[in-house]
N, C-alpha and C. Protein backbone atom coordinates (compact mmCIF):
# COMPACT_ATOMS: atom_id res chain seq x y z
N MET A 1 -3.95 25.44 3.68
CA MET A 1 -3.26 25.20 2.33
C MET A 1 -1.67 25.29 2.89
N LYS A 2 -1.05 24.51 2.24
CA LYS A 2 0.60 24.33 2.08
C LYS A 2 0.89 24.50 0.69
N LYS A 3 2.05 25.33 0.50
CA LYS A 3 2.70 25.41 -0.30
C LYS A 3 3.91 24.54 -0.58
N ILE A 4 4.18 23.46 -1.23
CA ILE A 4 4.94 22.52 -1.54
C ILE A 4 6.26 22.49 -2.62
N LEU A 5 7.35 22.69 -2.17
CA LEU A 5 8.55 22.46 -3.55
C LEU A 5 8.91 21.12 -3.68
N LEU A 6 8.90 20.46 -4.49
CA LEU A 6 9.50 18.75 -4.91
C LEU A 6 10.62 19.40 -5.73
N LEU A 7 11.70 18.37 -5.18
CA LEU A 7 12.96 18.23 -5.86
C LEU A 7 13.48 17.15 -5.69
N SER A 8 14.62 16.40 -6.40
CA SER A 8 14.96 15.24 -6.62
C SER A 8 16.42 15.60 -6.97
N ASP A 9 17.26 14.39 -7.02
CA ASP A 9 18.51 14.57 -7.61
C ASP A 9 19.38 15.48 -7.81
N THR A 10 19.43 16.01 -6.52
CA THR A 10 20.25 17.29 -6.31
C THR A 10 21.74 17.07 -6.74
N HIS A 11 22.40 15.57 -6.17
CA HIS A 11 23.82 15.04 -6.58
C HIS A 11 24.65 15.97 -6.11
N SER A 12 24.40 16.49 -4.44
CA SER A 12 25.34 17.54 -3.58
C SER A 12 25.31 18.76 -4.08
N HIS A 13 24.48 19.20 -5.04
CA HIS A 13 24.06 20.61 -5.65
C HIS A 13 22.94 21.40 -4.97
N ILE A 14 23.70 22.91 -4.19
CA ILE A 14 22.55 23.26 -4.08
C ILE A 14 23.15 24.88 -4.55
N ASP A 15 21.97 26.05 -5.03
CA ASP A 15 22.50 26.94 -5.37
C ASP A 15 21.38 28.29 -4.47
N ASP A 16 21.50 29.36 -5.14
CA ASP A 16 20.63 30.42 -4.62
C ASP A 16 19.54 30.41 -5.70
N GLN A 17 19.48 29.84 -6.93
CA GLN A 17 18.15 29.47 -7.46
C GLN A 17 17.15 28.52 -6.98
N ILE A 18 17.94 27.49 -6.48
CA ILE A 18 17.15 26.54 -5.42
C ILE A 18 16.51 27.27 -4.14
N LEU A 19 17.29 27.52 -3.67
CA LEU A 19 17.44 28.50 -2.33
C LEU A 19 16.05 29.54 -2.29
N LYS A 20 16.25 30.20 -3.46
CA LYS A 20 15.15 31.37 -3.65
C LYS A 20 13.52 30.52 -3.84
N PHE A 21 13.53 29.66 -4.25
CA PHE A 21 11.94 28.78 -4.30
C PHE A 21 11.91 28.23 -2.89
N VAL A 22 12.86 27.93 -2.39
CA VAL A 22 12.63 26.95 -0.74
C VAL A 22 12.18 27.78 0.16
N LYS A 23 12.57 29.13 -0.62
CA LYS A 23 11.85 30.37 0.83
C LYS A 23 10.57 30.86 0.45
N LEU A 24 9.73 30.35 -1.12
CA LEU A 24 8.75 30.73 -1.41
C LEU A 24 7.83 29.72 -0.69
N ALA A 25 8.24 28.24 -0.49
CA ALA A 25 7.23 27.15 -0.23
C ALA A 25 6.99 27.30 1.54
N ASP A 26 5.97 26.34 2.12
CA ASP A 26 5.77 25.80 3.45
C ASP A 26 6.63 25.10 3.80
N GLU A 27 6.98 23.90 2.50
CA GLU A 27 7.49 22.64 3.15
C GLU A 27 8.08 22.37 1.95
N VAL A 28 9.77 21.60 1.55
CA VAL A 28 10.10 20.94 0.51
C VAL A 28 10.37 19.65 0.65
N TRP A 29 10.28 18.76 -0.28
CA TRP A 29 10.04 17.63 -0.37
C TRP A 29 11.27 17.51 -1.34
N HIS A 30 12.36 16.56 -1.00
CA HIS A 30 13.24 15.67 -1.95
C HIS A 30 13.23 14.21 -2.22
N ALA A 31 13.07 13.68 -3.33
CA ALA A 31 12.86 12.38 -3.47
C ALA A 31 14.54 11.80 -3.84
N GLY A 32 15.33 11.84 -3.27
CA GLY A 32 16.49 11.37 -3.10
C GLY A 32 17.51 11.41 -4.03
N ASP A 33 18.66 10.85 -4.30
CA ASP A 33 20.03 11.17 -4.50
C ASP A 33 20.39 12.97 -4.13
N ILE A 34 20.63 12.92 -2.92
CA ILE A 34 20.65 14.08 -2.18
C ILE A 34 22.19 14.61 -2.33
N GLY A 35 22.99 13.65 -2.41
CA GLY A 35 24.72 13.91 -2.37
C GLY A 35 24.99 14.14 -1.25
N ASN A 36 25.57 15.26 -0.78
CA ASN A 36 26.31 16.15 0.12
C ASN A 36 25.18 16.38 1.43
N LEU A 37 25.01 15.85 2.52
CA LEU A 37 23.88 16.55 3.17
C LEU A 37 24.22 18.14 3.51
N GLN A 38 25.00 18.74 3.19
CA GLN A 38 24.81 20.02 2.96
C GLN A 38 23.68 21.02 2.19
N VAL A 39 23.20 19.58 1.19
CA VAL A 39 22.04 20.23 0.59
C VAL A 39 20.47 20.38 1.59
N THR A 40 20.84 18.94 2.36
CA THR A 40 19.28 19.30 2.93
C THR A 40 19.82 20.13 4.24
N ASP A 41 20.88 20.01 4.73
CA ASP A 41 21.06 21.00 5.82
C ASP A 41 20.58 22.36 5.32
N ALA A 42 21.08 23.04 4.48
CA ALA A 42 20.79 24.45 3.48
C ALA A 42 19.11 24.57 3.66
N ILE A 43 18.71 23.57 3.04
CA ILE A 43 17.05 23.47 2.93
C ILE A 43 16.55 23.65 4.34
N LYS A 44 16.93 23.07 5.47
CA LYS A 44 16.22 22.77 7.00
C LYS A 44 16.55 24.10 7.04
N LYS A 45 17.49 24.93 7.28
CA LYS A 45 17.96 26.18 8.01
C LYS A 45 16.41 27.16 7.38
N LEU A 46 16.03 26.52 6.44
CA LEU A 46 14.90 27.75 6.02
C LEU A 46 13.74 27.07 6.05
N LYS A 47 13.41 25.96 5.78
CA LYS A 47 12.08 25.13 5.45
C LYS A 47 12.24 23.80 6.14
N PRO A 48 10.70 22.98 6.74
CA PRO A 48 10.69 21.86 6.90
C PRO A 48 10.72 21.06 5.68
N LEU A 49 11.51 20.09 5.94
CA LEU A 49 12.03 19.32 4.75
C LEU A 49 11.36 17.97 4.92
N ARG A 50 10.85 17.19 3.95
CA ARG A 50 10.69 15.51 3.96
C ARG A 50 11.57 14.99 2.82
N ALA A 51 12.13 14.06 3.28
CA ALA A 51 13.00 13.37 2.13
C ALA A 51 13.06 11.90 2.02
N VAL A 52 13.95 11.63 1.11
CA VAL A 52 14.05 9.84 1.44
C VAL A 52 15.39 9.94 0.43
N TYR A 53 16.51 8.83 1.13
CA TYR A 53 17.68 8.70 0.52
C TYR A 53 17.60 7.92 -0.98
N GLY A 54 18.39 8.16 -1.91
CA GLY A 54 18.82 7.49 -2.72
C GLY A 54 19.48 6.82 -3.13
N ASN A 55 19.92 5.90 -4.42
CA ASN A 55 20.90 5.03 -4.80
C ASN A 55 22.31 5.56 -4.71
N ILE A 56 22.60 6.84 -4.68
CA ILE A 56 23.61 7.28 -4.82
C ILE A 56 24.25 7.82 -3.43
N ASP A 57 23.34 7.91 -2.25
CA ASP A 57 23.55 8.46 -1.21
C ASP A 57 24.46 7.66 0.02
N ASP A 58 24.86 8.44 0.87
CA ASP A 58 25.81 7.23 1.50
C ASP A 58 25.24 7.08 2.96
N ALA A 59 25.95 6.46 4.16
CA ALA A 59 25.79 6.35 5.10
C ALA A 59 24.83 7.56 5.79
N GLY A 60 25.39 8.51 6.05
CA GLY A 60 24.79 9.54 6.69
C GLY A 60 23.31 9.81 6.17
N ALA A 61 23.40 9.90 4.91
CA ALA A 61 22.05 10.57 4.12
C ALA A 61 20.91 9.36 4.46
N ARG A 62 21.52 7.74 4.35
CA ARG A 62 20.73 6.49 4.93
C ARG A 62 20.14 6.54 6.35
N ALA A 63 21.06 7.23 7.26
CA ALA A 63 20.73 7.24 8.80
C ALA A 63 19.95 8.06 9.11
N GLU A 64 19.85 9.41 8.21
CA GLU A 64 18.92 10.79 8.59
C GLU A 64 17.49 10.26 7.84
N PHE A 65 17.40 9.67 6.49
CA PHE A 65 16.15 9.87 5.79
C PHE A 65 16.00 8.12 5.40
N PRO A 66 14.67 7.86 5.24
CA PRO A 66 14.17 6.62 5.01
C PRO A 66 14.30 6.31 3.61
N LEU A 67 13.76 5.22 3.27
CA LEU A 67 13.96 4.59 2.00
C LEU A 67 12.54 5.22 1.37
N ASP A 68 11.58 4.84 2.15
CA ASP A 68 10.13 5.53 1.51
C ASP A 68 9.45 6.58 2.88
N ASN A 69 8.61 7.57 2.22
CA ASN A 69 8.28 8.62 3.25
C ASN A 69 6.90 8.81 3.24
N LYS A 70 6.12 7.97 3.88
CA LYS A 70 4.75 7.84 3.59
C LYS A 70 3.88 8.95 4.45
N PHE A 71 3.27 9.68 4.35
CA PHE A 71 2.56 11.14 5.14
C PHE A 71 1.34 11.80 4.56
N GLU A 72 0.75 12.55 5.49
CA GLU A 72 -0.47 12.84 5.04
C GLU A 72 -0.19 14.51 5.78
N VAL A 73 -0.62 15.46 4.37
CA VAL A 73 -0.88 16.63 4.66
C VAL A 73 -1.64 17.33 4.02
N GLU A 74 -2.51 18.20 4.84
CA GLU A 74 -3.62 18.82 4.03
C GLU A 74 -4.48 17.56 3.44
N GLY A 75 -4.70 16.58 4.00
CA GLY A 75 -5.90 15.38 3.48
C GLY A 75 -5.15 14.94 2.64
N VAL A 76 -4.07 15.01 2.15
CA VAL A 76 -3.67 14.16 0.87
C VAL A 76 -2.66 13.29 1.57
N THR A 77 -2.88 12.22 1.03
CA THR A 77 -1.73 10.92 1.13
C THR A 77 -0.52 11.05 0.29
N VAL A 78 0.55 10.86 0.80
CA VAL A 78 1.88 10.84 -0.07
C VAL A 78 2.71 9.64 0.12
N TRP A 79 3.31 9.17 -0.49
CA TRP A 79 4.19 8.41 -0.88
C TRP A 79 5.51 8.73 -1.58
N ILE A 80 6.60 9.13 -1.09
CA ILE A 80 7.68 9.43 -1.76
C ILE A 80 8.83 8.18 -1.41
N THR A 81 9.49 7.85 -2.60
CA THR A 81 10.57 6.87 -2.66
C THR A 81 11.33 7.49 -3.80
N HIS A 82 12.72 7.00 -3.99
CA HIS A 82 13.38 7.47 -5.36
C HIS A 82 13.59 6.40 -6.53
N ILE A 83 13.35 5.14 -5.92
CA ILE A 83 13.45 4.51 -7.11
C ILE A 83 11.75 3.67 -7.48
N GLY A 84 10.86 4.36 -8.16
CA GLY A 84 9.53 3.69 -7.84
C GLY A 84 8.86 3.57 -9.06
N GLY A 85 9.33 3.69 -10.45
CA GLY A 85 9.02 3.37 -11.92
C GLY A 85 7.63 4.74 -12.07
N TYR A 86 7.18 3.85 -13.09
CA TYR A 86 6.06 5.13 -13.55
C TYR A 86 4.58 4.31 -14.04
N PRO A 87 3.23 4.90 -13.78
CA PRO A 87 2.24 4.29 -14.30
C PRO A 87 2.29 2.96 -15.17
N LYS A 88 1.90 1.79 -14.52
CA LYS A 88 2.00 0.16 -15.71
C LYS A 88 3.43 -0.12 -16.03
N LYS A 89 4.56 0.54 -14.93
CA LYS A 89 5.78 0.25 -14.90
C LYS A 89 6.51 0.57 -13.46
N TYR A 90 5.62 0.19 -12.73
CA TYR A 90 5.91 0.53 -11.15
C TYR A 90 7.56 -0.37 -10.87
N ASN A 91 8.06 -0.16 -10.07
CA ASN A 91 9.31 -0.81 -9.44
C ASN A 91 8.65 -1.87 -8.70
N GLN A 92 9.07 -3.28 -8.82
CA GLN A 92 8.52 -4.26 -8.57
C GLN A 92 8.63 -4.28 -6.63
N ARG A 93 9.58 -3.60 -6.27
CA ARG A 93 9.47 -3.42 -4.69
C ARG A 93 8.26 -2.88 -4.22
N VAL A 94 7.86 -1.89 -5.37
CA VAL A 94 6.52 -0.76 -4.42
C VAL A 94 5.01 -1.31 -4.69
N ARG A 95 5.26 -2.26 -6.02
CA ARG A 95 3.99 -2.70 -6.90
C ARG A 95 2.86 -3.11 -6.12
N GLU A 96 3.09 -4.05 -5.51
CA GLU A 96 1.92 -4.39 -4.33
C GLU A 96 1.57 -3.42 -3.36
N ASP A 97 2.56 -2.92 -2.62
CA ASP A 97 1.97 -1.87 -1.87
C ASP A 97 1.36 -0.90 -2.23
N LEU A 98 1.99 -0.34 -3.34
CA LEU A 98 0.63 0.75 -4.29
C LEU A 98 -0.71 0.29 -4.24
N LYS A 99 -0.85 -1.16 -4.86
CA LYS A 99 -2.36 -1.25 -4.84
C LYS A 99 -2.81 -1.35 -3.53
N ILE A 100 -2.20 -1.46 -2.28
CA ILE A 100 -2.98 -2.11 -1.14
C ILE A 100 -3.04 -0.82 -0.33
N ASN A 101 -1.97 0.22 -0.43
CA ASN A 101 -1.96 1.08 0.22
C ASN A 101 -1.79 2.32 -0.69
N THR A 102 -2.92 2.71 -1.46
CA THR A 102 -2.29 3.74 -2.70
C THR A 102 -2.38 5.40 -2.18
N PRO A 103 -1.51 5.94 -2.14
CA PRO A 103 -1.67 7.48 -1.64
C PRO A 103 -2.40 8.03 -2.92
N LYS A 104 -2.61 9.54 -2.62
CA LYS A 104 -3.13 10.35 -3.64
C LYS A 104 -2.05 10.63 -4.63
N ILE A 105 -1.12 11.00 -3.65
CA ILE A 105 0.07 11.19 -4.89
C ILE A 105 1.59 10.68 -4.57
N PHE A 106 1.85 9.84 -5.86
CA PHE A 106 3.35 8.95 -5.61
C PHE A 106 4.55 9.86 -6.14
N ILE A 107 5.64 9.85 -5.47
CA ILE A 107 6.87 10.55 -5.87
C ILE A 107 7.90 9.93 -6.04
N CYS A 108 8.62 10.35 -7.31
CA CYS A 108 10.12 9.50 -7.16
C CYS A 108 10.97 10.20 -8.05
N GLY A 109 12.10 10.16 -8.09
CA GLY A 109 13.00 10.74 -8.77
C GLY A 109 13.83 9.51 -9.52
N HIS A 110 15.05 9.97 -9.49
CA HIS A 110 15.75 8.53 -10.15
C HIS A 110 16.28 8.84 -11.54
N SER A 111 15.24 8.82 -12.29
CA SER A 111 15.28 9.00 -14.00
C SER A 111 15.89 10.44 -14.32
N HIS A 112 16.02 11.26 -13.57
CA HIS A 112 16.25 12.68 -13.89
C HIS A 112 15.13 13.34 -15.15
N ILE A 113 13.90 12.38 -15.15
CA ILE A 113 12.99 12.79 -16.29
C ILE A 113 11.94 13.43 -15.59
N LEU A 114 11.58 14.46 -15.98
CA LEU A 114 10.37 15.38 -15.34
C LEU A 114 9.28 14.58 -16.16
N LYS A 115 8.24 14.24 -15.12
CA LYS A 115 7.09 13.42 -15.44
C LYS A 115 5.90 13.92 -14.51
N VAL A 116 4.66 14.11 -14.86
CA VAL A 116 3.56 14.36 -14.07
C VAL A 116 2.43 13.74 -14.86
N GLN A 117 2.15 12.86 -14.13
CA GLN A 117 0.83 11.82 -14.97
C GLN A 117 0.21 11.43 -14.16
N PHE A 118 -1.12 11.19 -14.39
CA PHE A 118 -2.26 10.68 -13.60
C PHE A 118 -2.42 9.02 -13.90
N ASP A 119 -2.43 7.94 -12.79
CA ASP A 119 -2.42 6.86 -13.38
C ASP A 119 -4.16 6.57 -12.76
N ASP A 120 -4.96 6.30 -14.04
CA ASP A 120 -6.35 5.94 -13.68
C ASP A 120 -6.66 4.64 -13.21
N GLN A 121 -5.57 3.66 -13.10
CA GLN A 121 -5.63 1.95 -12.45
C GLN A 121 -5.81 2.52 -11.48
N LEU A 122 -4.93 3.10 -10.83
CA LEU A 122 -4.61 3.06 -9.27
C LEU A 122 -5.38 4.50 -8.24
N ASN A 123 -5.88 5.16 -9.49
CA ASN A 123 -6.11 6.82 -9.07
C ASN A 123 -5.46 7.38 -8.16
N LEU A 124 -3.94 7.64 -8.70
CA LEU A 124 -3.14 8.56 -8.08
C LEU A 124 -2.67 9.28 -8.91
N LEU A 125 -1.82 10.31 -8.35
CA LEU A 125 -1.28 11.08 -9.52
C LEU A 125 0.46 10.83 -9.03
N HIS A 126 1.13 10.71 -10.06
CA HIS A 126 2.76 10.42 -10.07
C HIS A 126 3.31 11.42 -10.67
N ILE A 127 4.28 11.80 -9.51
CA ILE A 127 5.22 13.27 -9.68
C ILE A 127 6.53 12.38 -9.91
N ASN A 128 7.75 13.11 -10.72
CA ASN A 128 8.82 12.90 -10.92
C ASN A 128 9.26 14.46 -11.40
N PRO A 129 9.94 15.44 -10.10
CA PRO A 129 10.13 16.31 -10.55
C PRO A 129 11.65 16.75 -11.58
N GLY A 130 11.87 15.36 -11.93
CA GLY A 130 13.52 15.77 -12.66
C GLY A 130 14.45 15.55 -12.10
N ALA A 131 15.42 16.42 -12.30
CA ALA A 131 16.46 16.38 -11.39
C ALA A 131 17.20 18.26 -11.25
N ALA A 132 17.36 18.58 -10.07
CA ALA A 132 17.74 19.85 -9.70
C ALA A 132 18.87 20.07 -9.56
N GLY A 133 20.13 18.91 -9.49
CA GLY A 133 21.04 19.09 -9.67
C GLY A 133 22.11 18.99 -11.20
N LYS A 134 23.27 19.38 -10.73
CA LYS A 134 24.03 19.34 -12.47
C LYS A 134 24.92 17.88 -13.15
N HIS A 135 24.55 17.09 -11.89
CA HIS A 135 24.93 15.70 -12.45
C HIS A 135 24.05 14.76 -13.10
N GLY A 136 24.19 14.39 -14.25
CA GLY A 136 23.59 13.54 -14.83
C GLY A 136 23.24 14.01 -16.51
N PHE A 137 22.67 13.11 -17.12
CA PHE A 137 22.28 13.55 -18.49
C PHE A 137 20.97 14.90 -19.09
N HIS A 138 20.40 15.14 -18.12
CA HIS A 138 19.51 15.93 -18.32
C HIS A 138 20.15 17.24 -18.71
N LYS A 139 19.32 18.09 -19.45
CA LYS A 139 20.03 19.45 -20.25
C LYS A 139 19.29 20.45 -19.35
N VAL A 140 17.93 20.35 -18.59
CA VAL A 140 17.75 21.62 -17.76
C VAL A 140 17.50 20.83 -16.24
N ARG A 141 17.59 21.63 -15.90
CA ARG A 141 17.31 21.82 -14.32
C ARG A 141 16.10 22.03 -13.91
N THR A 142 15.39 20.79 -12.89
CA THR A 142 13.85 20.92 -12.92
C THR A 142 13.32 20.68 -11.25
N MET A 143 12.31 21.59 -10.87
CA MET A 143 11.62 21.16 -9.82
C MET A 143 10.19 21.27 -10.33
N VAL A 144 9.25 20.97 -8.96
CA VAL A 144 8.09 21.16 -9.65
C VAL A 144 7.30 21.86 -8.03
N ARG A 145 6.34 22.65 -8.08
CA ARG A 145 5.61 23.14 -7.01
C ARG A 145 4.35 23.13 -7.06
N PHE A 146 3.60 22.95 -6.26
CA PHE A 146 2.03 23.05 -6.14
C PHE A 146 1.70 23.07 -4.61
N GLU A 147 0.27 23.53 -4.43
CA GLU A 147 -0.34 23.51 -3.12
C GLU A 147 -1.15 22.71 -3.06
N LEU A 148 -1.49 22.02 -1.56
CA LEU A 148 -2.07 21.11 -0.87
C LEU A 148 -3.30 22.01 -0.10
N ASP A 149 -4.56 21.51 -0.54
CA ASP A 149 -5.61 22.39 0.17
C ASP A 149 -6.64 21.76 0.30
N ASN A 150 -7.19 21.16 1.82
CA ASN A 150 -8.21 20.63 1.99
C ASN A 150 -8.59 19.14 1.38
N GLY A 151 -7.42 18.31 0.95
CA GLY A 151 -7.45 17.18 0.12
C GLY A 151 -7.51 17.54 -1.51
N ALA A 152 -6.88 18.70 -1.42
CA ALA A 152 -7.24 19.00 -3.28
C ALA A 152 -5.33 19.16 -3.70
N ILE A 153 -5.29 19.24 -4.67
CA ILE A 153 -3.89 19.22 -5.14
C ILE A 153 -3.99 20.75 -6.20
N LYS A 154 -3.44 21.74 -6.19
CA LYS A 154 -3.56 22.94 -6.64
C LYS A 154 -2.58 23.64 -7.49
N ASN A 155 -2.45 24.48 -8.19
CA ASN A 155 -1.51 25.09 -8.92
C ASN A 155 -0.23 24.71 -9.17
N MET A 156 -0.39 23.32 -9.82
CA MET A 156 0.80 22.73 -9.94
C MET A 156 1.92 23.70 -11.12
N GLU A 157 2.92 23.76 -11.04
CA GLU A 157 3.82 24.32 -12.11
C GLU A 157 5.03 23.68 -12.14
N VAL A 158 5.50 23.34 -13.20
CA VAL A 158 7.27 23.36 -13.61
C VAL A 158 8.00 24.45 -13.19
N ILE A 159 9.00 24.19 -12.46
CA ILE A 159 10.01 25.43 -12.47
C ILE A 159 11.78 24.86 -13.02
N GLU A 160 12.00 25.69 -14.25
CA GLU A 160 13.08 25.48 -15.04
C GLU A 160 13.99 26.18 -14.94
N LEU A 161 15.79 25.53 -13.79
CA LEU A 161 16.53 26.21 -13.47
C LEU A 161 17.75 26.28 -14.94
N THR A 162 18.65 26.93 -14.32
CA THR A 162 19.96 27.15 -15.74
C THR A 162 19.94 25.64 -16.29
N LYS A 163 20.41 25.87 -17.55
CA LYS A 163 20.97 24.73 -18.23
C LYS A 163 21.81 23.89 -17.37
N ARG A 164 22.00 22.68 -17.03
CA ARG A 164 22.61 21.89 -16.32
C ARG A 164 24.21 22.12 -15.89
N TYR A 165 24.67 22.29 -17.38
CA TYR A 165 26.41 22.74 -17.75
C TYR A 165 26.31 24.39 -17.42
N ALA A 166 25.55 25.42 -17.09
CA ALA A 166 25.95 26.69 -17.49
C ALA A 166 26.51 27.02 -15.66
N SER A 167 27.39 28.06 -16.00
CA SER A 167 27.71 28.39 -14.37
C SER A 167 26.77 29.31 -13.61
């Protein structure tokens, strides 16, 4: 069993609230728009990290992280990308590959809108953890955590952090 913390759109922000949950996870996954690599460096000091770069990320992040990260953990296939769209409205760049190489979990960020929904056409779970950073239009900073265990996705929960404009 692996405990996963999923976040996105930190936009150079990392704080003790985020790190408290990092410490409780076995792995951390970041769905892009990291901002400053100090964010991922702080996470990697504590836990293994799987990440992708987003549209705001610079050459340093693009050199360290891929556009798409496809892997398997605990018998669950995963695809993380930053701009992926939603069920029935997937981004054109990923749409055909999703049909051919369908993961059990498809993760993206970008919108700053927390969504967890099952795509019954492709038989996958789509997750967007919202935004953990303070930059953007979102009012509440969010992350998602869950467990992967022998092919199953369990105990998924939304983590709400402080309001984006709170100090």
